[in-house]
Amino acid sequence: MDNEYSFFATVARMKYIDRWALMRNTFDENLSEHSLEVSMIAHVLCVIGNVRYSKNLNCEKAALIGLYHDASEIITGDMPTPVKYYNKNIKDAFKTIEDEANNKLLSQLPEDIRKAYQDIFFKEEAFAYEWKLVKAADKISALIKCIEEEKTGNREFIKAKETIEKSINTMRNEYPEVADFVKEFIPSYYKTLDELNI
């Protein structure tokens, strides 16, 4: 009998994991949608770094990390940020749980290809900067969600938006790629479809 592996069938379930569970949403956002957006933003942050700041970043690796950055939530669920970062003990405990979940997912791959996914799920020093830009892309994606909710008149995301903007402003000082993206691309998210001139 042939071996069967469930990695991709499991990862496909990201579309069933809703984000922002504690918030009243005008429209739901699932983990697949979020991961695609993070992947695209992480990719362009690396492109900006390479083109404008003479860095040698692996844009495709960043995109892949972005695609899988929250895959552990298939097992753990989406832990609300206020709970996840409530204190150091909870943060450390949840990190351990995330690592266990990622190891479980990797165990669902054939052993001969598992290593190719290891540095997508776990940080490696060779891609440390790419990982940081994925984290920035994750925050930018959260900001975009807040902007989209705000545009519909939903006040539920006002405080979240303020907190995320503070975090992104700190990143802007450290990562010029983030500053460029926020300056050049975020204003368009406030526009209507007609204003985007599609």
C-alpha atoms as a PDB file:
ATOM      1  CA  MET A   1       0.000   0.000   0.000  1.00  0.00           C
ATOM      2  CA  ASP A   2       1.258   3.486  -0.861  1.00  0.00           C
ATOM      3  CA  ASN A   3       2.056   5.921   1.903  1.00  0.00           C
ATOM      4  CA  GLU A   4      -0.425   8.728   2.477  1.00  0.00           C
ATOM      5  CA  TYR A   5       0.481  12.177   3.783  1.00  0.00           C
ATOM      6  CA  SER A   6      -2.014  14.718   5.027  1.00  0.00           C
ATOM      7  CA  PHE A   7       0.033  17.957   5.040  1.00  0.00           C
ATOM      8  CA  PHE A   8      -1.741  19.687   2.161  1.00  0.00           C
ATOM      9  CA  ALA A   9      -5.210  18.461   3.132  1.00  0.00           C
ATOM     10  CA  THR A  10      -4.548  19.870   6.610  1.00  0.00           C
ATOM     11  CA  VAL A  11      -3.130  23.178   5.364  1.00  0.00           C
ATOM     12  CA  ALA A  12      -6.148  23.539   3.057  1.00  0.00           C
ATOM     13  CA  ARG A  13      -8.213  23.929   6.218  1.00  0.00           C
ATOM     14  CA  MET A  14      -6.782  27.406   6.782  1.00  0.00           C
ATOM     15  CA  LYS A  15      -9.870  28.665   4.973  1.00  0.00           C
ATOM     16  CA  TYR A  16     -11.992  27.473   7.908  1.00  0.00           C
ATOM     17  CA  ILE A  17     -10.070  29.455  10.539  1.00  0.00           C
ATOM     18  CA  ASP A  18     -11.651  32.868  11.066  1.00  0.00           C
ATOM     19  CA  ARG A  19      -9.539  35.736  12.350  1.00  0.00           C
ATOM     20  CA  TRP A  20     -10.547  38.527  14.743  1.00  0.00           C
ATOM     21  CA  ALA A  21     -12.877  36.200  16.652  1.00  0.00           C
ATOM     22  CA  LEU A  22     -13.382  38.589  19.587  1.00  0.00           C
ATOM     23  CA  MET A  23     -14.297  41.502  17.312  1.00  0.00           C
ATOM     24  CA  ARG A  24     -17.582  42.332  15.607  1.00  0.00           C
ATOM     25  CA  ASN A  25     -16.664  42.091  11.923  1.00  0.00           C
ATOM     26  CA  THR A  26     -18.511  43.663   9.012  1.00  0.00           C
ATOM     27  CA  PHE A  27     -17.086  40.830   6.930  1.00  0.00           C
ATOM     28  CA  ASP A  28     -15.152  37.756   8.014  1.00  0.00           C
ATOM     29  CA  GLU A  29     -11.500  37.235   7.173  1.00  0.00           C
ATOM     30  CA  ASN A  30     -10.170  33.695   7.138  1.00  0.00           C
ATOM     31  CA  LEU A  31      -6.597  32.525   7.585  1.00  0.00           C
ATOM     32  CA  SER A  32      -6.144  31.689   3.882  1.00  0.00           C
ATOM     33  CA  GLU A  33      -7.080  35.216   2.838  1.00  0.00           C
ATOM     34  CA  HIS A  34      -4.802  36.750   5.458  1.00  0.00           C
ATOM     35  CA  SER A  35      -1.882  34.486   4.557  1.00  0.00           C
ATOM     36  CA  LEU A  36      -2.129  35.351   0.858  1.00  0.00           C
ATOM     37  CA  GLU A  37      -2.084  39.066   1.669  1.00  0.00           C
ATOM     38  CA  VAL A  38       0.895  38.675   4.040  1.00  0.00           C
ATOM     39  CA  SER A  39       2.733  36.675   1.377  1.00  0.00           C
ATOM     40  CA  MET A  40       2.237  39.368  -1.272  1.00  0.00           C
ATOM     41  CA  ILE A  41       3.253  42.194   1.069  1.00  0.00           C
ATOM     42  CA  ALA A  42       6.310  40.323   2.381  1.00  0.00           C
ATOM     43  CA  HIS A  43       7.387  39.703  -1.205  1.00  0.00           C
ATOM     44  CA  VAL A  44       7.186  43.368  -2.204  1.00  0.00           C
ATOM     45  CA  LEU A  45       8.933  44.488   0.997  1.00  0.00           C
ATOM     46  CA  CYS A  46      11.882  42.330  -0.058  1.00  0.00           C
ATOM     47  CA  VAL A  47      11.711  43.662  -3.615  1.00  0.00           C
ATOM     48  CA  ILE A  48      11.844  47.216  -2.233  1.00  0.00           C
ATOM     49  CA  GLY A  49      14.798  46.247  -0.038  1.00  0.00           C
ATOM     50  CA  ASN A  50      16.695  44.820  -2.998  1.00  0.00           C
ATOM     51  CA  VAL A  51      15.858  47.511  -5.561  1.00  0.00           C
ATOM     52  CA  ARG A  52      16.063  50.623  -3.399  1.00  0.00           C
ATOM     53  CA  TYR A  53      18.387  49.682  -0.557  1.00  0.00           C
ATOM     54  CA  SER A  54      20.869  47.332  -2.261  1.00  0.00           C
ATOM     55  CA  LYS A  55      19.978  44.375  -0.071  1.00  0.00           C
ATOM     56  CA  ASN A  56      20.203  40.773  -1.143  1.00  0.00           C
ATOM     57  CA  LEU A  57      16.912  39.421   0.171  1.00  0.00           C
ATOM     58  CA  ASN A  58      15.213  36.238  -1.004  1.00  0.00           C
ATOM     59  CA  CYS A  59      11.811  37.577  -2.090  1.00  0.00           C
ATOM     60  CA  GLU A  60      10.395  34.160  -2.954  1.00  0.00           C
ATOM     61  CA  LYS A  61      11.430  32.727   0.423  1.00  0.00           C
ATOM     62  CA  ALA A  62       9.711  35.627   2.182  1.00  0.00           C
ATOM     63  CA  ALA A  63       6.555  34.989   0.155  1.00  0.00           C
ATOM     64  CA  LEU A  64       6.588  31.316   1.151  1.00  0.00           C
ATOM     65  CA  ILE A  65       7.153  32.140   4.813  1.00  0.00           C
ATOM     66  CA  GLY A  66       4.211  34.537   4.558  1.00  0.00           C
ATOM     67  CA  LEU A  67       1.978  31.847   3.064  1.00  0.00           C
ATOM     68  CA  TYR A  68       2.643  29.473   5.955  1.00  0.00           C
ATOM     69  CA  HIS A  69       3.353  31.948   8.795  1.00  0.00           C
ATOM     70  CA  ASP A  70       0.115  31.195  10.668  1.00  0.00           C
ATOM     71  CA  ALA A  71      -0.421  27.591   9.523  1.00  0.00           C
ATOM     72  CA  SER A  72      -0.021  26.383  13.116  1.00  0.00           C
ATOM     73  CA  GLU A  73      -3.404  27.998  13.822  1.00  0.00           C
ATOM     74  CA  ILE A  74      -5.055  25.066  12.042  1.00  0.00           C
ATOM     75  CA  ILE A  75      -4.165  23.150  15.200  1.00  0.00           C
ATOM     76  CA  THR A  76      -4.120  25.919  17.828  1.00  0.00           C
ATOM     77  CA  GLY A  77      -6.877  28.164  16.505  1.00  0.00           C
ATOM     78  CA  ASP A  78      -6.449  31.932  16.238  1.00  0.00           C
ATOM     79  CA  MET A  79      -5.379  33.169  19.655  1.00  0.00           C
ATOM     80  CA  PRO A  80      -6.536  36.793  20.117  1.00  0.00           C
ATOM     81  CA  THR A  81      -3.570  39.166  20.382  1.00  0.00           C
ATOM     82  CA  PRO A  82      -4.558  40.620  23.794  1.00  0.00           C
ATOM     83  CA  VAL A  83      -4.539  37.086  25.225  1.00  0.00           C
ATOM     84  CA  LYS A  84      -1.450  35.856  23.353  1.00  0.00           C
ATOM     85  CA  TYR A  85       0.688  38.770  24.548  1.00  0.00           C
ATOM     86  CA  TYR A  86      -0.947  39.287  27.956  1.00  0.00           C
ATOM     87  CA  ASN A  87       2.308  38.521  29.757  1.00  0.00           C
ATOM     88  CA  LYS A  88       5.659  36.850  29.123  1.00  0.00           C
ATOM     89  CA  ASN A  89       4.584  33.485  30.581  1.00  0.00           C
ATOM     90  CA  ILE A  90       1.570  33.220  28.285  1.00  0.00           C
ATOM     91  CA  LYS A  91       3.599  34.431  25.298  1.00  0.00           C
ATOM     92  CA  ASP A  92       6.359  31.863  25.939  1.00  0.00           C
ATOM     93  CA  ALA A  93       3.840  29.064  26.526  1.00  0.00           C
ATOM     94  CA  PHE A  94       2.012  29.872  23.321  1.00  0.00           C
ATOM     95  CA  LYS A  95       5.297  29.958  21.385  1.00  0.00           C
ATOM     96  CA  THR A  96       5.984  26.421  22.602  1.00  0.00           C
ATOM     97  CA  ILE A  97       2.500  25.355  21.505  1.00  0.00           C
ATOM     98  CA  GLU A  98       3.014  26.963  18.071  1.00  0.00           C
ATOM     99  CA  ASP A  99       6.332  25.138  17.656  1.00  0.00           C
ATOM    100  CA  GLU A 100       4.680  21.827  18.551  1.00  0.00           C
ATOM    101  CA  ALA A 101       1.878  22.506  16.067  1.00  0.00           C
ATOM    102  CA  ASN A 102       4.399  23.347  13.328  1.00  0.00           C
ATOM    103  CA  ASN A 103       6.323  20.144  14.048  1.00  0.00           C
ATOM    104  CA  LYS A 104       3.055  18.213  13.811  1.00  0.00           C
ATOM    105  CA  LEU A 105       2.339  19.774  10.416  1.00  0.00           C
ATOM    106  CA  LEU A 106       5.848  19.011   9.149  1.00  0.00           C
ATOM    107  CA  SER A 107       5.473  15.399  10.286  1.00  0.00           C
ATOM    108  CA  GLN A 108       2.634  15.115   7.756  1.00  0.00           C
ATOM    109  CA  LEU A 109       5.131  15.472   4.889  1.00  0.00           C
ATOM    110  CA  PRO A 110       7.232  12.668   3.410  1.00  0.00           C
ATOM    111  CA  GLU A 111      10.611  12.661   5.144  1.00  0.00           C
ATOM    112  CA  ASP A 112      12.571  13.240   1.931  1.00  0.00           C
ATOM    113  CA  ILE A 113      10.882  16.619   1.257  1.00  0.00           C
ATOM    114  CA  ARG A 114      10.310  17.700   4.870  1.00  0.00           C
ATOM    115  CA  LYS A 115      13.645  19.510   5.112  1.00  0.00           C
ATOM    116  CA  ALA A 116      12.648  21.846   2.264  1.00  0.00           C
ATOM    117  CA  TYR A 117       9.815  23.140   4.475  1.00  0.00           C
ATOM    118  CA  GLN A 118      11.780  23.346   7.737  1.00  0.00           C
ATOM    119  CA  ASP A 119      13.093  26.886   7.186  1.00  0.00           C
ATOM    120  CA  ILE A 120       9.661  28.058   6.064  1.00  0.00           C
ATOM    121  CA  PHE A 121       8.125  27.037   9.386  1.00  0.00           C
ATOM    122  CA  PHE A 122      11.108  27.752  11.659  1.00  0.00           C
ATOM    123  CA  LYS A 123      13.431  30.757  11.556  1.00  0.00           C
ATOM    124  CA  GLU A 124      16.905  30.250  10.191  1.00  0.00           C
ATOM    125  CA  GLU A 125      19.636  32.850  10.593  1.00  0.00           C
ATOM    126  CA  ALA A 126      20.230  32.919   6.829  1.00  0.00           C
ATOM    127  CA  PHE A 127      16.739  34.396   6.365  1.00  0.00           C
ATOM    128  CA  ALA A 128      16.469  36.435   9.575  1.00  0.00           C
ATOM    129  CA  TYR A 129      15.717  39.711   7.792  1.00  0.00           C
ATOM    130  CA  GLU A 130      13.101  38.080   5.573  1.00  0.00           C
ATOM    131  CA  TRP A 131      11.379  36.744   8.710  1.00  0.00           C
ATOM    132  CA  LYS A 132      11.320  40.269  10.160  1.00  0.00           C
ATOM    133  CA  LEU A 133       9.720  41.605   6.999  1.00  0.00           C
ATOM    134  CA  VAL A 134       7.091  38.834   7.145  1.00  0.00           C
ATOM    135  CA  LYS A 135       6.301  39.993  10.692  1.00  0.00           C
ATOM    136  CA  ALA A 136       5.988  43.545   9.347  1.00  0.00           C
ATOM    137  CA  ALA A 137       3.747  42.303   6.513  1.00  0.00           C
ATOM    138  CA  ASP A 138       1.566  40.563   9.114  1.00  0.00           C
ATOM    139  CA  LYS A 139       1.109  43.885  10.945  1.00  0.00           C
ATOM    140  CA  ILE A 140       0.433  45.733   7.693  1.00  0.00           C
ATOM    141  CA  SER A 141      -2.223  43.152   6.785  1.00  0.00           C
ATOM    142  CA  ALA A 142      -3.860  43.713  10.174  1.00  0.00           C
ATOM    143  CA  LEU A 143      -3.815  47.475   9.543  1.00  0.00           C
ATOM    144  CA  ILE A 144      -5.482  46.931   6.174  1.00  0.00           C
ATOM    145  CA  LYS A 145      -8.243  44.913   7.861  1.00  0.00           C
ATOM    146  CA  CYS A 146      -8.781  47.779  10.333  1.00  0.00           C
ATOM    147  CA  ILE A 147      -8.951  50.323   7.489  1.00  0.00           C
ATOM    148  CA  GLU A 148     -11.456  48.184   5.583  1.00  0.00           C
ATOM    149  CA  GLU A 149     -13.659  47.833   8.662  1.00  0.00           C
ATOM    150  CA  GLU A 150     -13.369  51.557   9.409  1.00  0.00           C
ATOM    151  CA  LYS A 151     -14.508  52.381   5.857  1.00  0.00           C
ATOM    152  CA  THR A 152     -17.772  50.541   6.505  1.00  0.00           C
ATOM    153  CA  GLY A 153     -18.391  52.597   9.648  1.00  0.00           C
ATOM    154  CA  ASN A 154     -17.485  49.780  12.036  1.00  0.00           C
ATOM    155  CA  ARG A 155     -15.982  51.436  15.138  1.00  0.00           C
ATOM    156  CA  GLU A 156     -15.002  48.078  16.656  1.00  0.00           C
ATOM    157  CA  PHE A 157     -11.516  48.260  15.120  1.00  0.00           C
ATOM    158  CA  ILE A 158     -10.566  51.828  16.128  1.00  0.00           C
ATOM    159  CA  LYS A 159      -8.437  50.878  19.141  1.00  0.00           C
ATOM    160  CA  ALA A 160      -6.875  47.931  17.301  1.00  0.00           C
ATOM    161  CA  LYS A 161      -5.930  50.270  14.458  1.00  0.00           C
ATOM    162  CA  GLU A 162      -4.246  52.716  16.843  1.00  0.00           C
ATOM    163  CA  THR A 163      -2.225  49.933  18.461  1.00  0.00           C
ATOM    164  CA  ILE A 164      -1.192  48.438  15.116  1.00  0.00           C
ATOM    165  CA  GLU A 165      -0.210  51.857  13.726  1.00  0.00           C
ATOM    166  CA  LYS A 166       2.089  52.420  16.720  1.00  0.00           C
ATOM    167  CA  SER A 167       3.742  49.063  16.099  1.00  0.00           C
ATOM    168  CA  ILE A 168       4.150  49.777  12.391  1.00  0.00           C
ATOM    169  CA  ASN A 169       5.575  53.239  13.105  1.00  0.00           C
ATOM    170  CA  THR A 170       8.290  51.584  15.195  1.00  0.00           C
ATOM    171  CA  MET A 171       9.013  49.196  12.311  1.00  0.00           C
ATOM    172  CA  ARG A 172       9.151  52.097   9.844  1.00  0.00           C
ATOM    173  CA  ASN A 173      12.092  53.526  11.760  1.00  0.00           C
ATOM    174  CA  GLU A 174      13.950  50.215  11.610  1.00  0.00           C
ATOM    175  CA  TYR A 175      12.976  48.922   8.178  1.00  0.00           C
ATOM    176  CA  PRO A 176      12.960  51.415   5.272  1.00  0.00           C
ATOM    177  CA  GLU A 177      10.993  48.915   3.180  1.00  0.00           C
ATOM    178  CA  VAL A 178       8.086  49.224   5.610  1.00  0.00           C
ATOM    179  CA  ALA A 179       8.248  53.028   5.546  1.00  0.00           C
ATOM    180  CA  ASP A 180       8.128  53.021   1.754  1.00  0.00           C
ATOM    181  CA  PHE A 181       5.197  50.590   1.582  1.00  0.00           C
ATOM    182  CA  VAL A 182       3.147  52.511   4.135  1.00  0.00           C
ATOM    183  CA  LYS A 183       3.803  55.818   2.405  1.00  0.00           C
ATOM    184  CA  GLU A 184       3.190  54.635  -1.143  1.00  0.00           C
ATOM    185  CA  PHE A 185       0.535  51.918  -0.865  1.00  0.00           C
ATOM    186  CA  ILE A 186      -1.540  52.312   2.304  1.00  0.00           C
ATOM    187  CA  PRO A 187      -3.349  55.535   1.205  1.00  0.00           C
ATOM    188  CA  SER A 188      -5.011  53.613  -1.651  1.00  0.00           C
ATOM    189  CA  TYR A 189      -6.756  51.323   0.839  1.00  0.00           C
ATOM    190  CA  TYR A 190      -8.859  54.287   1.951  1.00  0.00           C
ATOM    191  CA  LYS A 191     -10.227  54.748  -1.582  1.00  0.00           C
ATOM    192  CA  THR A 192     -13.388  53.379  -3.150  1.00  0.00           C
ATOM    193  CA  LEU A 193     -13.303  51.142  -6.212  1.00  0.00           C
ATOM    194  CA  ASP A 194     -14.148  54.088  -8.481  1.00  0.00           C
ATOM    195  CA  GLU A 195     -11.367  56.174  -6.938  1.00  0.00           C
ATOM    196  CA  LEU A 196      -8.832  53.434  -7.699  1.00  0.00           C
ATOM    197  CA  ASN A 197      -9.411  54.055 -11.428  1.00  0.00           C
ATOM    198  CA  ILE A 198      -9.739  50.403 -12.314  1.00  0.00           C
END
